Amino acid sequence: MKRRPLPLNALRAFEVAGRLESFTKASHELNVTQGAVSRQVQHLEEVLGRQLFERHHRSLRLTRAGRNLLEALTPAFDAIEDAVAKVEDRADDTHLSVSAPLTFSMRWIVPRLGRFQMEYPDFQVQLGTYNDDLASVDFNEVDIAIRFADHGNEQLVHEFLTGERLLPVCHPDLAKQLKTPEDLAGVTLLHCSAQREDWRIWLEGTGIKGVDGTKGPVFATLDMAMEAAASGFGVVVSDPAMIGEYVVTNRLTVPFDLPVDSPYAYSLCYPRGRLERRKVKAFRDWLMSEIKLETARRKLTQKDAR
């Protein structure tokens, strides 16, 4: 059966623009100008006789026709990419690119990564980090990603990894000065720019009054804020899972054991069909196994504490 001629370049431009919800971001991924992306999408709309985007001053919004088309195109392009990869003799079949938040990478993945390497010595992991939780991930360059507070994307698979439990932490010398949680009003509260809500969440969750959770210096990363706390500069809110090394070396401690569960969580994200790649499935299965071990360890620790 003869196939109908399709405007493949225009379809590709639309798929990227729709997935990223931006002509500008699409132009960066496709290495063309923003105007070129816009013209391709406009050409596709003319061919189809349908409007695919609602164009606003500073944003794009898919129409119903656009959403329907995008839902079909993204897995189709993924399938094409996977098919090409299977027939190519690709040198990067053993190169696994992972993207994750900086502090989660340093405090959680890196200490355990040796176990993955021992189990899969033929895979070469490239671990990239980011600080902006709202930044999109280019899955043409990244095999699999760990996201925090991700709002979801229908074109991606999102698997829950672990929640976040919040506690104030500080240097042991400073902790001795804090007799009650209300004493936090008299010390410096430290913040991470990507997680400015942590103090508000913890204060509201514990019901503590008289402490202004908006004041205090802001650091680019949680790791920087924890280093500042470890130097005695102030108190930061963090997940206990991220401070193990600091506790062992007696640089950080928990002054008040009043944990509050954050409404945000870490999730594992990847395009649909990506688990067909052996390296991606191996990393996904290994990470899920490590999460289960850590969850079991935490429950045992909590049980012993009671």
C-alpha atoms as a PDB file:
ATOM      1  CA  MET A   1       0.000   0.000   0.000  1.00  0.00           C
ATOM      2  CA  LYS A   2       1.353   3.366  -1.016  1.00  0.00           C
ATOM      3  CA  ARG A   3       1.955   5.619   1.975  1.00  0.00           C
ATOM      4  CA  ARG A   4       0.623   9.140   2.060  1.00  0.00           C
ATOM      5  CA  PRO A   5       3.407  11.774   1.863  1.00  0.00           C
ATOM      6  CA  LEU A   6       3.893  13.340   5.294  1.00  0.00           C
ATOM      7  CA  PRO A   7       5.597  16.620   6.265  1.00  0.00           C
ATOM      8  CA  LEU A   8       8.126  14.877   8.514  1.00  0.00           C
ATOM      9  CA  ASN A   9      10.186  17.976   9.347  1.00  0.00           C
ATOM     10  CA  ALA A  10       7.055  19.836  10.346  1.00  0.00           C
ATOM     11  CA  LEU A  11       5.842  16.894  12.426  1.00  0.00           C
ATOM     12  CA  ARG A  12       9.200  16.713  14.179  1.00  0.00           C
ATOM     13  CA  ALA A  13       9.179  20.451  14.917  1.00  0.00           C
ATOM     14  CA  PHE A  14       5.657  20.221  16.311  1.00  0.00           C
ATOM     15  CA  GLU A  15       6.480  17.195  18.480  1.00  0.00           C
ATOM     16  CA  VAL A  16       9.423  18.939  20.127  1.00  0.00           C
ATOM     17  CA  ALA A  17       7.559  22.238  20.551  1.00  0.00           C
ATOM     18  CA  GLY A  18       4.539  20.442  21.984  1.00  0.00           C
ATOM     19  CA  ARG A  19       6.608  18.303  24.338  1.00  0.00           C
ATOM     20  CA  LEU A  20       8.571  21.302  25.632  1.00  0.00           C
ATOM     21  CA  GLU A  21       5.638  23.732  25.321  1.00  0.00           C
ATOM     22  CA  SER A  22       7.954  26.322  23.833  1.00  0.00           C
ATOM     23  CA  PHE A  23       9.180  27.306  20.351  1.00  0.00           C
ATOM     24  CA  THR A  24      12.354  28.689  21.937  1.00  0.00           C
ATOM     25  CA  LYS A  25      13.224  25.472  23.775  1.00  0.00           C
ATOM     26  CA  ALA A  26      12.358  23.475  20.660  1.00  0.00           C
ATOM     27  CA  SER A  27      14.749  25.580  18.600  1.00  0.00           C
ATOM     28  CA  HIS A  28      17.556  24.741  21.037  1.00  0.00           C
ATOM     29  CA  GLU A  29      16.853  21.006  20.858  1.00  0.00           C
ATOM     30  CA  LEU A  30      16.605  21.028  17.060  1.00  0.00           C
ATOM     31  CA  ASN A  31      19.518  23.456  16.557  1.00  0.00           C
ATOM     32  CA  VAL A  32      17.454  25.804  14.395  1.00  0.00           C
ATOM     33  CA  THR A  33      16.017  29.260  14.906  1.00  0.00           C
ATOM     34  CA  GLN A  34      12.805  29.915  16.790  1.00  0.00           C
ATOM     35  CA  GLY A  35      11.344  31.331  13.584  1.00  0.00           C
ATOM     36  CA  ALA A  36      12.110  28.108  11.716  1.00  0.00           C
ATOM     37  CA  VAL A  37      10.212  26.068  14.330  1.00  0.00           C
ATOM     38  CA  SER A  38       7.268  28.466  14.189  1.00  0.00           C
ATOM     39  CA  ARG A  39       7.118  28.290  10.380  1.00  0.00           C
ATOM     40  CA  GLN A  40       7.228  24.483  10.386  1.00  0.00           C
ATOM     41  CA  VAL A  41       4.387  24.306  12.900  1.00  0.00           C
ATOM     42  CA  GLN A  42       2.374  26.833  10.913  1.00  0.00           C
ATOM     43  CA  HIS A  43       2.959  24.779   7.752  1.00  0.00           C
ATOM     44  CA  LEU A  44       1.702  21.660   9.547  1.00  0.00           C
ATOM     45  CA  GLU A  45      -1.407  23.504  10.703  1.00  0.00           C
ATOM     46  CA  GLU A  46      -2.084  24.554   7.114  1.00  0.00           C
ATOM     47  CA  VAL A  47      -1.630  20.979   5.855  1.00  0.00           C
ATOM     48  CA  LEU A  48      -3.952  19.568   8.513  1.00  0.00           C
ATOM     49  CA  GLY A  49      -6.420  22.417   8.440  1.00  0.00           C
ATOM     50  CA  ARG A  50      -6.369  22.475  12.253  1.00  0.00           C
ATOM     51  CA  GLN A  51      -4.934  24.830  14.846  1.00  0.00           C
ATOM     52  CA  LEU A  52      -2.489  22.900  17.022  1.00  0.00           C
ATOM     53  CA  PHE A  53      -1.468  25.631  19.482  1.00  0.00           C
ATOM     54  CA  GLU A  54      -3.158  28.492  21.237  1.00  0.00           C
ATOM     55  CA  ARG A  55      -0.548  31.227  21.007  1.00  0.00           C
ATOM     56  CA  HIS A  56      -0.345  33.662  23.909  1.00  0.00           C
ATOM     57  CA  HIS A  57       2.081  36.514  24.510  1.00  0.00           C
ATOM     58  CA  ARG A  58       4.631  34.484  26.454  1.00  0.00           C
ATOM     59  CA  SER A  59       3.312  30.944  26.313  1.00  0.00           C
ATOM     60  CA  LEU A  60       1.964  28.153  24.149  1.00  0.00           C
ATOM     61  CA  ARG A  61      -0.963  25.894  24.921  1.00  0.00           C
ATOM     62  CA  LEU A  62      -1.910  22.818  22.938  1.00  0.00           C
ATOM     63  CA  THR A  63      -5.396  22.659  21.492  1.00  0.00           C
ATOM     64  CA  ARG A  64      -7.352  19.414  21.750  1.00  0.00           C
ATOM     65  CA  ALA A  65      -6.215  18.503  18.222  1.00  0.00           C
ATOM     66  CA  GLY A  66      -2.639  19.324  19.208  1.00  0.00           C
ATOM     67  CA  ARG A  67      -2.779  17.140  22.318  1.00  0.00           C
ATOM     68  CA  ASN A  68      -4.193  14.223  20.348  1.00  0.00           C
ATOM     69  CA  LEU A  69      -1.479  14.528  17.726  1.00  0.00           C
ATOM     70  CA  LEU A  70       1.310  14.888  20.292  1.00  0.00           C
ATOM     71  CA  GLU A  71       0.160  11.798  22.190  1.00  0.00           C
ATOM     72  CA  ALA A  72       0.609   9.782  19.024  1.00  0.00           C
ATOM     73  CA  LEU A  73       3.773  11.438  17.710  1.00  0.00           C
ATOM     74  CA  THR A  74       6.022  11.230  20.771  1.00  0.00           C
ATOM     75  CA  PRO A  75       5.898   7.434  21.134  1.00  0.00           C
ATOM     76  CA  ALA A  76       6.169   7.157  17.339  1.00  0.00           C
ATOM     77  CA  PHE A  77       9.411   9.163  17.268  1.00  0.00           C
ATOM     78  CA  ASP A  78      10.670   7.191  20.299  1.00  0.00           C
ATOM     79  CA  ALA A  79       9.954   3.960  18.425  1.00  0.00           C
ATOM     80  CA  ILE A  80      11.832   5.217  15.361  1.00  0.00           C
ATOM     81  CA  GLU A  81      14.799   6.217  17.530  1.00  0.00           C
ATOM     82  CA  ASP A  82      14.833   2.822  19.255  1.00  0.00           C
ATOM     83  CA  ALA A  83      14.572   0.978  15.935  1.00  0.00           C
ATOM     84  CA  VAL A  84      17.517   2.921  14.516  1.00  0.00           C
ATOM     85  CA  ALA A  85      19.538   2.282  17.669  1.00  0.00           C
ATOM     86  CA  LYS A  86      18.951  -1.459  17.406  1.00  0.00           C
ATOM     87  CA  VAL A  87      20.315  -1.714  13.871  1.00  0.00           C
ATOM     88  CA  GLU A  88      23.201   0.689  14.381  1.00  0.00           C
ATOM     89  CA  ASP A  89      26.534  -0.481  15.713  1.00  0.00           C
ATOM     90  CA  ARG A  90      26.500   2.229  18.345  1.00  0.00           C
ATOM     91  CA  ALA A  91      29.461   2.868  20.611  1.00  0.00           C
ATOM     92  CA  ASP A  92      27.202   4.429  23.243  1.00  0.00           C
ATOM     93  CA  ASP A  93      25.138   1.291  23.881  1.00  0.00           C
ATOM     94  CA  THR A  94      27.108   0.853  27.098  1.00  0.00           C
ATOM     95  CA  HIS A  95      27.119   4.571  27.998  1.00  0.00           C
ATOM     96  CA  LEU A  96      24.297   5.297  30.448  1.00  0.00           C
ATOM     97  CA  SER A  97      23.393   8.956  30.919  1.00  0.00           C
ATOM     98  CA  VAL A  98      21.561   9.753  34.160  1.00  0.00           C
ATOM     99  CA  SER A  99      20.296  13.157  35.291  1.00  0.00           C
ATOM    100  CA  ALA A 100      19.474  13.837  38.950  1.00  0.00           C
ATOM    101  CA  PRO A 101      19.266  16.696  41.485  1.00  0.00           C
ATOM    102  CA  LEU A 102      22.700  17.735  42.732  1.00  0.00           C
ATOM    103  CA  THR A 103      22.268  16.949  46.431  1.00  0.00           C
ATOM    104  CA  PHE A 104      20.421  13.681  45.782  1.00  0.00           C
ATOM    105  CA  SER A 105      23.261  12.683  43.456  1.00  0.00           C
ATOM    106  CA  MET A 106      26.019  13.511  45.928  1.00  0.00           C
ATOM    107  CA  ARG A 107      24.350  12.244  49.104  1.00  0.00           C
ATOM    108  CA  TRP A 108      22.365   9.289  47.794  1.00  0.00           C
ATOM    109  CA  ILE A 109      23.425   7.997  44.372  1.00  0.00           C
ATOM    110  CA  VAL A 110      27.200   8.432  44.467  1.00  0.00           C
ATOM    111  CA  PRO A 111      27.749   6.487  47.733  1.00  0.00           C
ATOM    112  CA  ARG A 112      25.827   3.536  46.236  1.00  0.00           C
ATOM    113  CA  LEU A 113      26.936   3.773  42.604  1.00  0.00           C
ATOM    114  CA  GLY A 114      29.835   1.407  43.139  1.00  0.00           C
ATOM    115  CA  ARG A 115      27.368  -1.416  43.753  1.00  0.00           C
ATOM    116  CA  PHE A 116      25.719  -0.765  40.394  1.00  0.00           C
ATOM    117  CA  GLN A 117      29.122  -0.707  38.676  1.00  0.00           C
ATOM    118  CA  MET A 118      30.083  -4.017  40.283  1.00  0.00           C
ATOM    119  CA  GLU A 119      26.834  -5.609  39.135  1.00  0.00           C
ATOM    120  CA  TYR A 120      27.041  -4.143  35.628  1.00  0.00           C
ATOM    121  CA  PRO A 121      30.754  -3.563  34.869  1.00  0.00           C
ATOM    122  CA  ASP A 122      30.096  -3.178  31.126  1.00  0.00           C
ATOM    123  CA  PHE A 123      28.028   0.004  31.624  1.00  0.00           C
ATOM    124  CA  GLN A 124      29.736   3.369  31.858  1.00  0.00           C
ATOM    125  CA  VAL A 125      27.578   5.768  33.881  1.00  0.00           C
ATOM    126  CA  GLN A 126      27.592   9.471  33.143  1.00  0.00           C
ATOM    127  CA  LEU A 127      25.872  11.201  36.063  1.00  0.00           C
ATOM    128  CA  GLY A 128      24.702  14.733  35.326  1.00  0.00           C
ATOM    129  CA  THR A 129      23.147  17.052  37.898  1.00  0.00           C
ATOM    130  CA  TYR A 130      20.828  20.035  37.949  1.00  0.00           C
ATOM    131  CA  ASN A 131      19.597  22.609  40.472  1.00  0.00           C
ATOM    132  CA  ASP A 132      16.451  23.928  38.778  1.00  0.00           C
ATOM    133  CA  ASP A 133      13.583  21.506  39.433  1.00  0.00           C
ATOM    134  CA  LEU A 134      11.472  23.231  36.766  1.00  0.00           C
ATOM    135  CA  ALA A 135      14.042  22.788  33.996  1.00  0.00           C
ATOM    136  CA  SER A 136      13.095  20.294  31.296  1.00  0.00           C
ATOM    137  CA  VAL A 137      15.218  17.225  30.530  1.00  0.00           C
ATOM    138  CA  ASP A 138      16.441  16.553  27.005  1.00  0.00           C
ATOM    139  CA  PHE A 139      15.818  12.824  26.680  1.00  0.00           C
ATOM    140  CA  ASN A 140      17.684  12.821  23.386  1.00  0.00           C
ATOM    141  CA  GLU A 141      20.806  13.285  25.518  1.00  0.00           C
ATOM    142  CA  VAL A 142      19.680  11.673  28.787  1.00  0.00           C
ATOM    143  CA  ASP A 143      18.666   8.018  29.115  1.00  0.00           C
ATOM    144  CA  ILE A 144      16.822   8.300  32.424  1.00  0.00           C
ATOM    145  CA  ALA A 145      16.258  11.032  34.991  1.00  0.00           C
ATOM    146  CA  ILE A 146      15.421  11.479  38.653  1.00  0.00           C
ATOM    147  CA  ARG A 147      13.126  14.417  39.258  1.00  0.00           C
ATOM    148  CA  PHE A 148      12.059  16.220  42.408  1.00  0.00           C
ATOM    149  CA  ALA A 149       8.674  17.889  42.802  1.00  0.00           C
ATOM    150  CA  ASP A 150       7.950  17.065  39.174  1.00  0.00           C
ATOM    151  CA  HIS A 151       4.490  18.128  38.045  1.00  0.00           C
ATOM    152  CA  GLY A 152       4.204  15.361  35.500  1.00  0.00           C
ATOM    153  CA  ASN A 153       4.310  15.051  31.750  1.00  0.00           C
ATOM    154  CA  GLU A 154       1.900  12.784  29.917  1.00  0.00           C
ATOM    155  CA  GLN A 155       4.608  11.821  27.448  1.00  0.00           C
ATOM    156  CA  LEU A 156       6.842  10.393  30.190  1.00  0.00           C
ATOM    157  CA  VAL A 157       6.637   7.507  32.616  1.00  0.00           C
ATOM    158  CA  HIS A 158       6.826   8.683  36.241  1.00  0.00           C
ATOM    159  CA  GLU A 159       7.664   6.106  38.893  1.00  0.00           C
ATOM    160  CA  PHE A 160       7.602   7.097  42.560  1.00  0.00           C
ATOM    161  CA  LEU A 161      10.990   6.638  44.208  1.00  0.00           C
ATOM    162  CA  THR A 162      10.844   8.066  47.697  1.00  0.00           C
ATOM    163  CA  GLY A 163       9.184  10.812  49.662  1.00  0.00           C
ATOM    164  CA  GLU A 164      10.974  13.493  51.604  1.00  0.00           C
ATOM    165  CA  ARG A 165      10.903  13.787  55.396  1.00  0.00           C
ATOM    166  CA  LEU A 166      11.891  17.190  56.742  1.00  0.00           C
ATOM    167  CA  LEU A 167      13.795  17.912  59.952  1.00  0.00           C
ATOM    168  CA  PRO A 168      15.869  20.900  61.130  1.00  0.00           C
ATOM    169  CA  VAL A 169      19.600  20.150  61.342  1.00  0.00           C
ATOM    170  CA  CYS A 170      22.528  22.167  62.665  1.00  0.00           C
ATOM    171  CA  HIS A 171      25.975  21.872  64.243  1.00  0.00           C
ATOM    172  CA  PRO A 172      25.936  20.078  67.633  1.00  0.00           C
ATOM    173  CA  ASP A 173      27.241  23.207  69.421  1.00  0.00           C
ATOM    174  CA  LEU A 174      24.357  25.271  68.097  1.00  0.00           C
ATOM    175  CA  ALA A 175      21.893  22.510  68.936  1.00  0.00           C
ATOM    176  CA  LYS A 176      22.875  22.791  72.621  1.00  0.00           C
ATOM    177  CA  GLN A 177      21.648  26.405  72.601  1.00  0.00           C
ATOM    178  CA  LEU A 178      18.216  25.422  71.309  1.00  0.00           C
ATOM    179  CA  LYS A 179      16.036  24.317  74.221  1.00  0.00           C
ATOM    180  CA  THR A 180      12.642  24.505  72.460  1.00  0.00           C
ATOM    181  CA  PRO A 181      11.589  24.755  68.792  1.00  0.00           C
ATOM    182  CA  GLU A 182      10.540  28.362  69.440  1.00  0.00           C
ATOM    183  CA  ASP A 183      14.221  29.185  70.046  1.00  0.00           C
ATOM    184  CA  LEU A 184      14.665  28.919  66.269  1.00  0.00           C
ATOM    185  CA  ALA A 185      13.375  32.501  66.121  1.00  0.00           C
ATOM    186  CA  GLY A 186      16.720  33.645  67.513  1.00  0.00           C
ATOM    187  CA  VAL A 187      19.055  31.844  65.110  1.00  0.00           C
ATOM    188  CA  THR A 188      19.821  32.089  61.398  1.00  0.00           C
ATOM    189  CA  LEU A 189      17.603  29.975  59.183  1.00  0.00           C
ATOM    190  CA  LEU A 190      19.316  28.724  56.025  1.00  0.00           C
ATOM    191  CA  HIS A 191      17.559  28.098  52.718  1.00  0.00           C
ATOM    192  CA  CYS A 192      18.148  26.371  49.392  1.00  0.00           C
ATOM    193  CA  SER A 193      16.873  28.392  46.440  1.00  0.00           C
ATOM    194  CA  ALA A 194      15.222  25.331  44.874  1.00  0.00           C
ATOM    195  CA  GLN A 195      13.461  24.409  48.134  1.00  0.00           C
ATOM    196  CA  ARG A 196      12.451  27.727  49.668  1.00  0.00           C
ATOM    197  CA  GLU A 197       9.216  26.204  50.965  1.00  0.00           C
ATOM    198  CA  ASP A 198      10.880  23.673  53.278  1.00  0.00           C
ATOM    199  CA  TRP A 199      10.890  25.903  56.354  1.00  0.00           C
ATOM    200  CA  ARG A 200       7.262  26.913  55.787  1.00  0.00           C
ATOM    201  CA  ILE A 201       6.231  23.267  55.339  1.00  0.00           C
ATOM    202  CA  TRP A 202       8.051  22.190  58.508  1.00  0.00           C
ATOM    203  CA  LEU A 203       6.790  25.074  60.650  1.00  0.00           C
ATOM    204  CA  GLU A 204       3.194  24.608  59.511  1.00  0.00           C
ATOM    205  CA  GLY A 205       3.450  20.837  59.917  1.00  0.00           C
ATOM    206  CA  THR A 206       4.691  21.123  63.508  1.00  0.00           C
ATOM    207  CA  GLY A 207       2.419  24.012  64.450  1.00  0.00           C
ATOM    208  CA  ILE A 208       5.329  26.068  65.786  1.00  0.00           C
ATOM    209  CA  LYS A 209       4.537  29.777  66.087  1.00  0.00           C
ATOM    210  CA  GLY A 210       6.702  32.872  66.303  1.00  0.00           C
ATOM    211  CA  VAL A 211       9.376  31.736  63.844  1.00  0.00           C
ATOM    212  CA  ASP A 212       9.687  33.571  60.509  1.00  0.00           C
ATOM    213  CA  GLY A 213      10.556  30.858  57.999  1.00  0.00           C
ATOM    214  CA  THR A 214      11.129  33.343  55.175  1.00  0.00           C
ATOM    215  CA  LYS A 215      14.191  35.066  56.632  1.00  0.00           C
ATOM    216  CA  GLY A 216      17.802  34.012  56.277  1.00  0.00           C
ATOM    217  CA  PRO A 217      20.429  33.583  53.563  1.00  0.00           C
ATOM    218  CA  VAL A 218      19.624  31.585  50.435  1.00  0.00           C
ATOM    219  CA  PHE A 219      22.095  29.166  48.832  1.00  0.00           C
ATOM    220  CA  ALA A 220      22.105  27.856  45.283  1.00  0.00           C
ATOM    221  CA  THR A 221      22.070  24.224  46.410  1.00  0.00           C
ATOM    222  CA  LEU A 222      20.985  22.278  49.482  1.00  0.00           C
ATOM    223  CA  ASP A 223      24.524  20.942  49.732  1.00  0.00           C
ATOM    224  CA  MET A 224      25.852  24.486  50.180  1.00  0.00           C
ATOM    225  CA  ALA A 225      23.200  25.201  52.809  1.00  0.00           C
ATOM    226  CA  MET A 226      24.135  22.019  54.699  1.00  0.00           C
ATOM    227  CA  GLU A 227      27.835  22.955  54.595  1.00  0.00           C
ATOM    228  CA  ALA A 228      26.918  26.347  56.048  1.00  0.00           C
ATOM    229  CA  ALA A 229      24.917  24.636  58.800  1.00  0.00           C
ATOM    230  CA  ALA A 230      27.809  22.242  59.479  1.00  0.00           C
ATOM    231  CA  SER A 231      30.094  25.262  60.005  1.00  0.00           C
ATOM    232  CA  GLY A 232      27.754  26.582  62.711  1.00  0.00           C
ATOM    233  CA  PHE A 233      26.262  29.372  60.589  1.00  0.00           C
ATOM    234  CA  GLY A 234      22.647  28.410  61.236  1.00  0.00           C
ATOM    235  CA  VAL A 235      19.910  25.796  60.914  1.00  0.00           C
ATOM    236  CA  VAL A 236      18.663  24.208  57.687  1.00  0.00           C
ATOM    237  CA  VAL A 237      15.751  21.895  56.974  1.00  0.00           C
ATOM    238  CA  SER A 238      16.766  18.648  55.275  1.00  0.00           C
ATOM    239  CA  ASP A 239      15.833  15.026  54.790  1.00  0.00           C
ATOM    240  CA  PRO A 240      17.741  12.781  57.261  1.00  0.00           C
ATOM    241  CA  ALA A 241      18.679  10.550  54.318  1.00  0.00           C
ATOM    242  CA  MET A 242      20.879  13.366  53.010  1.00  0.00           C
ATOM    243  CA  ILE A 243      22.904  14.029  56.172  1.00  0.00           C
ATOM    244  CA  GLY A 244      24.341  10.609  57.048  1.00  0.00           C
ATOM    245  CA  GLU A 245      27.974  11.613  56.438  1.00  0.00           C
ATOM    246  CA  TYR A 246      27.552  14.806  58.476  1.00  0.00           C
ATOM    247  CA  VAL A 247      26.059  12.881  61.421  1.00  0.00           C
ATOM    248  CA  VAL A 248      28.837  10.273  61.408  1.00  0.00           C
ATOM    249  CA  THR A 249      31.487  13.022  61.516  1.00  0.00           C
ATOM    250  CA  ASN A 250      29.523  14.909  64.213  1.00  0.00           C
ATOM    251  CA  ARG A 251      29.119  18.008  62.039  1.00  0.00           C
ATOM    252  CA  LEU A 252      25.319  17.989  61.978  1.00  0.00           C
ATOM    253  CA  THR A 253      22.637  16.819  64.360  1.00  0.00           C
ATOM    254  CA  VAL A 254      18.859  17.053  64.720  1.00  0.00           C
ATOM    255  CA  PRO A 255      17.955  19.457  67.552  1.00  0.00           C
ATOM    256  CA  PHE A 256      14.239  18.593  67.517  1.00  0.00           C
ATOM    257  CA  ASP A 257      12.968  15.195  66.435  1.00  0.00           C
ATOM    258  CA  LEU A 258       9.775  16.546  64.884  1.00  0.00           C
ATOM    259  CA  PRO A 259       9.645  15.074  61.352  1.00  0.00           C
ATOM    260  CA  VAL A 260       7.210  16.426  58.782  1.00  0.00           C
ATOM    261  CA  ASP A 261       6.486  14.669  55.499  1.00  0.00           C
ATOM    262  CA  SER A 262       6.968  16.961  52.515  1.00  0.00           C
ATOM    263  CA  PRO A 263       4.213  17.055  49.879  1.00  0.00           C
ATOM    264  CA  TYR A 264       6.945  16.637  47.286  1.00  0.00           C
ATOM    265  CA  ALA A 265       8.772  13.473  46.271  1.00  0.00           C
ATOM    266  CA  TYR A 266      11.476  12.064  44.034  1.00  0.00           C
ATOM    267  CA  SER A 267      10.397  10.189  40.926  1.00  0.00           C
ATOM    268  CA  LEU A 268      12.112   8.244  38.168  1.00  0.00           C
ATOM    269  CA  CYS A 269      11.265   9.586  34.707  1.00  0.00           C
ATOM    270  CA  TYR A 270      11.854   8.288  31.211  1.00  0.00           C
ATOM    271  CA  PRO A 271      10.093   8.257  27.815  1.00  0.00           C
ATOM    272  CA  ARG A 272       7.628   5.456  27.144  1.00  0.00           C
ATOM    273  CA  GLY A 273       9.383   2.475  25.629  1.00  0.00           C
ATOM    274  CA  ARG A 274      12.767   3.476  27.041  1.00  0.00           C
ATOM    275  CA  LEU A 275      12.916   0.402  29.319  1.00  0.00           C
ATOM    276  CA  GLU A 276      13.414  -1.711  26.211  1.00  0.00           C
ATOM    277  CA  ARG A 277      17.020  -0.533  26.386  1.00  0.00           C
ATOM    278  CA  ARG A 278      18.906  -2.992  28.566  1.00  0.00           C
ATOM    279  CA  LYS A 279      21.070  -0.374  30.243  1.00  0.00           C
ATOM    280  CA  VAL A 280      18.071   1.744  31.222  1.00  0.00           C
ATOM    281  CA  LYS A 281      16.133  -1.210  32.636  1.00  0.00           C
ATOM    282  CA  ALA A 282      19.212  -2.333  34.554  1.00  0.00           C
ATOM    283  CA  PHE A 283      19.622   1.061  36.202  1.00  0.00           C
ATOM    284  CA  ARG A 284      15.911   1.376  36.918  1.00  0.00           C
ATOM    285  CA  ASP A 285      15.729  -2.065  38.556  1.00  0.00           C
ATOM    286  CA  TRP A 286      18.913  -1.459  40.563  1.00  0.00           C
ATOM    287  CA  LEU A 287      17.704   1.930  41.823  1.00  0.00           C
ATOM    288  CA  MET A 288      14.306   0.533  42.840  1.00  0.00           C
ATOM    289  CA  SER A 289      16.099  -2.236  44.736  1.00  0.00           C
ATOM    290  CA  GLU A 290      18.304   0.291  46.564  1.00  0.00           C
ATOM    291  CA  ILE A 291      15.232   2.360  47.471  1.00  0.00           C
ATOM    292  CA  LYS A 292      13.544  -0.712  48.961  1.00  0.00           C
ATOM    293  CA  LEU A 293      16.650  -1.499  51.025  1.00  0.00           C
ATOM    294  CA  GLU A 294      16.838   2.071  52.314  1.00  0.00           C
ATOM    295  CA  THR A 295      13.122   2.128  53.147  1.00  0.00           C
ATOM    296  CA  ALA A 296      13.443  -1.127  55.092  1.00  0.00           C
ATOM    297  CA  ARG A 297      16.488   0.219  56.949  1.00  0.00           C
ATOM    298  CA  ARG A 298      14.622   3.397  57.932  1.00  0.00           C
ATOM    299  CA  LYS A 299      11.637   1.447  59.229  1.00  0.00           C
ATOM    300  CA  LEU A 300      13.927  -0.759  61.319  1.00  0.00           C
ATOM    301  CA  THR A 301      15.713   2.309  62.730  1.00  0.00           C
ATOM    302  CA  GLN A 302      12.401   3.949  63.631  1.00  0.00           C
ATOM    303  CA  LYS A 303      11.184   0.755  65.283  1.00  0.00           C
ATOM    304  CA  ASP A 304      14.385   0.512  67.382  1.00  0.00           C
ATOM    305  CA  ALA A 305      14.030   4.175  68.357  1.00  0.00           C
ATOM    306  CA  ARG A 306      10.555   3.515  69.755  1.00  0.00           C
END
